Amino acid sequence: MKHKTLEKWRELITQQQSSELSIVDFCKMLRLSTSSFYKFRGQLQEPDNPPRFVKASKPDIDKTIQPSVSVRLGEVSLSFPTPC
């Protein structure tokens, strides 16, 4: 069976989760494409069971602040601007 229905993928994903096999080993055993397994697992992800990883984004940096490094030894203080 080359093309599987969404319901069949749902069953396979449930089987893998209840097995003690990794996704790679499970797919090898059943001759499934791991990329297809991950693709359908993502499509069938339950809304109340979000993925464990989320895409991180860089915060916006305030360009008006000039970062620097300061060294203080007793009464003497040196400051060096850092390149951005």
N, C-alpha and C. Protein backbone atom coordinates (compact mmCIF):
# COMPACT_ATOMS: atom_id res chain seq x y z
N MET A 1 0.86 -1.18 0.00
CA MET A 1 0.00 0.00 0.00
C MET A 1 0.89 1.23 0.00
N LYS A 2 0.97 1.92 -1.13
CA LYS A 2 1.86 3.07 -1.26
C LYS A 2 1.31 4.30 -0.57
N HIS A 3 0.08 4.66 -0.86
CA HIS A 3 -0.51 5.88 -0.31
C HIS A 3 -1.40 5.52 0.87
N LYS A 4 -1.09 6.15 1.99
CA LYS A 4 -1.85 5.87 3.21
C LYS A 4 -2.83 7.01 3.49
N THR A 5 -3.95 6.67 4.05
CA THR A 5 -4.93 7.68 4.42
C THR A 5 -4.47 8.36 5.70
N LEU A 6 -5.07 9.51 5.99
CA LEU A 6 -4.75 10.19 7.25
C LEU A 6 -5.08 9.30 8.45
N GLU A 7 -6.15 8.55 8.34
CA GLU A 7 -6.52 7.65 9.44
C GLU A 7 -5.46 6.58 9.65
N LYS A 8 -4.91 6.06 8.56
CA LYS A 8 -3.84 5.05 8.67
C LYS A 8 -2.60 5.66 9.31
N TRP A 9 -2.25 6.90 8.92
CA TRP A 9 -1.12 7.58 9.55
C TRP A 9 -1.37 7.81 11.04
N ARG A 10 -2.60 8.16 11.37
CA ARG A 10 -2.95 8.36 12.79
C ARG A 10 -2.72 7.06 13.57
N GLU A 11 -3.12 5.93 12.99
CA GLU A 11 -2.91 4.63 13.65
C GLU A 11 -1.42 4.33 13.80
N LEU A 12 -0.65 4.58 12.74
CA LEU A 12 0.78 4.32 12.79
C LEU A 12 1.48 5.19 13.84
N ILE A 13 1.09 6.44 13.93
CA ILE A 13 1.68 7.35 14.91
C ILE A 13 1.35 6.89 16.32
N THR A 14 0.12 6.45 16.53
CA THR A 14 -0.29 5.92 17.84
C THR A 14 0.49 4.66 18.17
N GLN A 15 0.66 3.78 17.19
CA GLN A 15 1.44 2.55 17.41
C GLN A 15 2.88 2.88 17.80
N GLN A 16 3.48 3.83 17.11
CA GLN A 16 4.86 4.18 17.42
C GLN A 16 4.97 4.75 18.83
N GLN A 17 4.03 5.61 19.20
CA GLN A 17 4.07 6.23 20.53
C GLN A 17 3.92 5.21 21.65
N SER A 18 3.14 4.16 21.40
CA SER A 18 2.96 3.14 22.43
C SER A 18 4.05 2.07 22.39
N SER A 19 4.84 2.06 21.34
CA SER A 19 5.95 1.10 21.26
C SER A 19 7.14 1.67 22.02
N GLU A 20 8.15 0.86 22.20
CA GLU A 20 9.37 1.34 22.84
C GLU A 20 10.43 1.68 21.80
N LEU A 21 9.99 1.79 20.56
CA LEU A 21 10.91 2.07 19.45
C LEU A 21 11.01 3.56 19.18
N SER A 22 12.19 3.97 18.73
CA SER A 22 12.33 5.34 18.25
C SER A 22 11.58 5.45 16.92
N ILE A 23 11.35 6.67 16.49
CA ILE A 23 10.66 6.87 15.21
C ILE A 23 11.47 6.25 14.07
N VAL A 24 12.78 6.44 14.11
CA VAL A 24 13.64 5.89 13.05
C VAL A 24 13.54 4.37 13.02
N ASP A 25 13.65 3.72 14.18
CA ASP A 25 13.57 2.25 14.22
C ASP A 25 12.19 1.75 13.82
N PHE A 26 11.14 2.43 14.27
CA PHE A 26 9.77 2.06 13.92
C PHE A 26 9.58 2.14 12.40
N CYS A 27 10.05 3.23 11.80
CA CYS A 27 9.90 3.40 10.36
C CYS A 27 10.72 2.37 9.58
N LYS A 28 11.92 2.06 10.06
CA LYS A 28 12.72 1.03 9.39
C LYS A 28 12.00 -0.31 9.43
N MET A 29 11.45 -0.65 10.59
CA MET A 29 10.78 -1.93 10.76
C MET A 29 9.59 -2.07 9.80
N LEU A 30 8.84 -0.99 9.61
CA LEU A 30 7.66 -1.03 8.75
C LEU A 30 7.93 -0.48 7.34
N ARG A 31 9.19 -0.19 7.06
CA ARG A 31 9.57 0.35 5.75
C ARG A 31 8.79 1.61 5.41
N LEU A 32 8.77 2.52 6.38
CA LEU A 32 8.11 3.81 6.18
C LEU A 32 9.17 4.88 6.00
N SER A 33 8.83 5.91 5.29
CA SER A 33 9.72 7.05 5.16
C SER A 33 9.64 7.87 6.45
N THR A 34 10.79 8.13 7.07
CA THR A 34 10.76 8.93 8.31
C THR A 34 10.28 10.35 8.02
N SER A 35 10.65 10.89 6.87
CA SER A 35 10.19 12.25 6.56
C SER A 35 8.67 12.30 6.42
N SER A 36 8.08 11.27 5.83
CA SER A 36 6.61 11.21 5.73
C SER A 36 6.00 11.06 7.12
N PHE A 37 6.62 10.25 7.97
CA PHE A 37 6.11 10.06 9.32
C PHE A 37 6.06 11.40 10.06
N TYR A 38 7.17 12.14 10.00
CA TYR A 38 7.21 13.44 10.68
C TYR A 38 6.21 14.42 10.05
N LYS A 39 6.08 14.38 8.73
CA LYS A 39 5.15 15.28 8.03
C LYS A 39 3.72 15.04 8.50
N PHE A 40 3.30 13.77 8.50
CA PHE A 40 1.93 13.48 8.89
C PHE A 40 1.71 13.65 10.39
N ARG A 41 2.72 13.37 11.18
CA ARG A 41 2.59 13.60 12.61
C ARG A 41 2.34 15.09 12.88
N GLY A 42 3.05 15.96 12.12
CA GLY A 42 2.84 17.41 12.26
C GLY A 42 1.45 17.82 11.82
N GLN A 43 0.96 17.23 10.73
CA GLN A 43 -0.37 17.56 10.23
C GLN A 43 -1.47 17.11 11.19
N LEU A 44 -1.24 15.98 11.86
CA LEU A 44 -2.26 15.42 12.72
C LEU A 44 -2.12 15.86 14.18
N GLN A 45 -1.20 16.77 14.46
CA GLN A 45 -0.98 17.24 15.82
C GLN A 45 -2.27 17.82 16.39
N GLU A 46 -2.62 17.37 17.57
CA GLU A 46 -3.84 17.84 18.22
C GLU A 46 -3.65 19.29 18.69
N PRO A 47 -4.68 20.15 18.55
CA PRO A 47 -4.55 21.54 19.00
C PRO A 47 -4.28 21.64 20.51
N ASP A 48 -4.83 20.71 21.30
CA ASP A 48 -4.61 20.77 22.75
C ASP A 48 -3.31 20.06 23.15
N ASN A 49 -2.58 19.52 22.18
CA ASN A 49 -1.31 18.85 22.43
C ASN A 49 -0.27 19.46 21.50
N PRO A 50 0.16 20.70 21.79
CA PRO A 50 1.06 21.41 20.88
C PRO A 50 2.42 20.72 20.79
N PRO A 51 3.19 21.02 19.75
CA PRO A 51 4.51 20.43 19.61
C PRO A 51 5.39 20.80 20.81
N ARG A 52 6.36 19.95 21.08
CA ARG A 52 7.24 20.19 22.23
C ARG A 52 8.23 21.31 21.98
N PHE A 53 8.51 21.58 20.71
CA PHE A 53 9.45 22.62 20.38
C PHE A 53 8.72 23.72 19.64
N VAL A 54 9.08 24.94 19.93
CA VAL A 54 8.51 26.08 19.21
C VAL A 54 9.66 26.88 18.62
N LYS A 55 9.40 27.55 17.54
CA LYS A 55 10.43 28.34 16.89
C LYS A 55 10.76 29.55 17.75
N ALA A 56 12.01 29.73 18.03
CA ALA A 56 12.46 30.88 18.81
C ALA A 56 12.76 32.04 17.86
N SER A 57 12.58 33.23 18.34
CA SER A 57 12.91 34.39 17.53
C SER A 57 13.79 35.33 18.34
N LYS A 58 14.61 36.07 17.63
CA LYS A 58 15.48 37.04 18.30
C LYS A 58 14.66 38.26 18.69
N PRO A 59 14.89 38.77 19.89
CA PRO A 59 14.19 39.99 20.26
C PRO A 59 14.74 41.17 19.48
N ASP A 60 13.91 42.18 19.26
CA ASP A 60 14.38 43.39 18.60
C ASP A 60 15.36 44.10 19.53
N ILE A 61 16.46 44.55 18.96
CA ILE A 61 17.49 45.22 19.74
C ILE A 61 17.35 46.72 19.55
N ASP A 62 17.37 47.43 20.66
CA ASP A 62 17.30 48.89 20.61
C ASP A 62 18.65 49.40 20.12
N LYS A 63 18.70 49.91 18.90
CA LYS A 63 19.95 50.34 18.28
C LYS A 63 20.47 51.65 18.89
N THR A 64 19.66 52.34 19.68
CA THR A 64 20.11 53.60 20.26
C THR A 64 21.01 53.38 21.47
N ILE A 65 20.99 52.17 22.03
CA ILE A 65 21.84 51.88 23.17
C ILE A 65 23.20 51.42 22.65
N GLN A 66 24.25 52.04 23.11
CA GLN A 66 25.60 51.68 22.71
C GLN A 66 26.22 50.81 23.80
N PRO A 67 26.32 49.50 23.56
CA PRO A 67 26.91 48.64 24.58
C PRO A 67 28.40 48.93 24.73
N SER A 68 28.90 48.75 25.94
CA SER A 68 30.32 48.96 26.19
C SER A 68 30.78 48.04 27.31
N VAL A 69 32.09 47.94 27.42
CA VAL A 69 32.70 47.17 28.50
C VAL A 69 33.44 48.17 29.37
N SER A 70 33.21 48.09 30.67
CA SER A 70 33.89 49.00 31.59
C SER A 70 34.72 48.19 32.58
N VAL A 71 35.92 48.71 32.84
CA VAL A 71 36.82 48.10 33.81
C VAL A 71 37.16 49.17 34.84
N ARG A 72 36.99 48.82 36.09
CA ARG A 72 37.29 49.79 37.15
C ARG A 72 38.30 49.17 38.10
N LEU A 73 39.36 49.91 38.37
CA LEU A 73 40.38 49.48 39.31
C LEU A 73 40.65 50.66 40.24
N GLY A 74 40.12 50.57 41.43
CA GLY A 74 40.26 51.68 42.38
C GLY A 74 39.58 52.92 41.85
N GLU A 75 40.36 54.00 41.69
CA GLU A 75 39.83 55.28 41.21
C GLU A 75 39.81 55.38 39.69
N VAL A 76 40.42 54.43 38.99
CA VAL A 76 40.55 54.48 37.53
C VAL A 76 39.47 53.62 36.89
N SER A 77 38.82 54.19 35.87
CA SER A 77 37.78 53.46 35.15
C SER A 77 38.04 53.62 33.65
N LEU A 78 38.03 52.49 32.95
CA LEU A 78 38.18 52.50 31.50
C LEU A 78 36.93 51.94 30.87
N SER A 79 36.46 52.57 29.79
CA SER A 79 35.28 52.08 29.07
C SER A 79 35.65 51.87 27.61
N PHE A 80 35.22 50.75 27.06
CA PHE A 80 35.49 50.42 25.67
C PHE A 80 34.17 50.14 24.98
N PRO A 81 33.92 50.85 23.86
CA PRO A 81 32.68 50.51 23.11
C PRO A 81 32.85 49.15 22.46
N THR A 82 31.75 48.40 22.38
CA THR A 82 31.81 47.11 21.71
C THR A 82 31.19 47.24 20.33
N PRO A 83 31.76 46.57 19.33
CA PRO A 83 31.18 46.65 17.98
C PRO A 83 29.84 45.92 17.93
N CYS A 84 28.92 46.45 17.18
CA CYS A 84 27.60 45.83 17.04
C CYS A 84 27.51 45.01 15.81
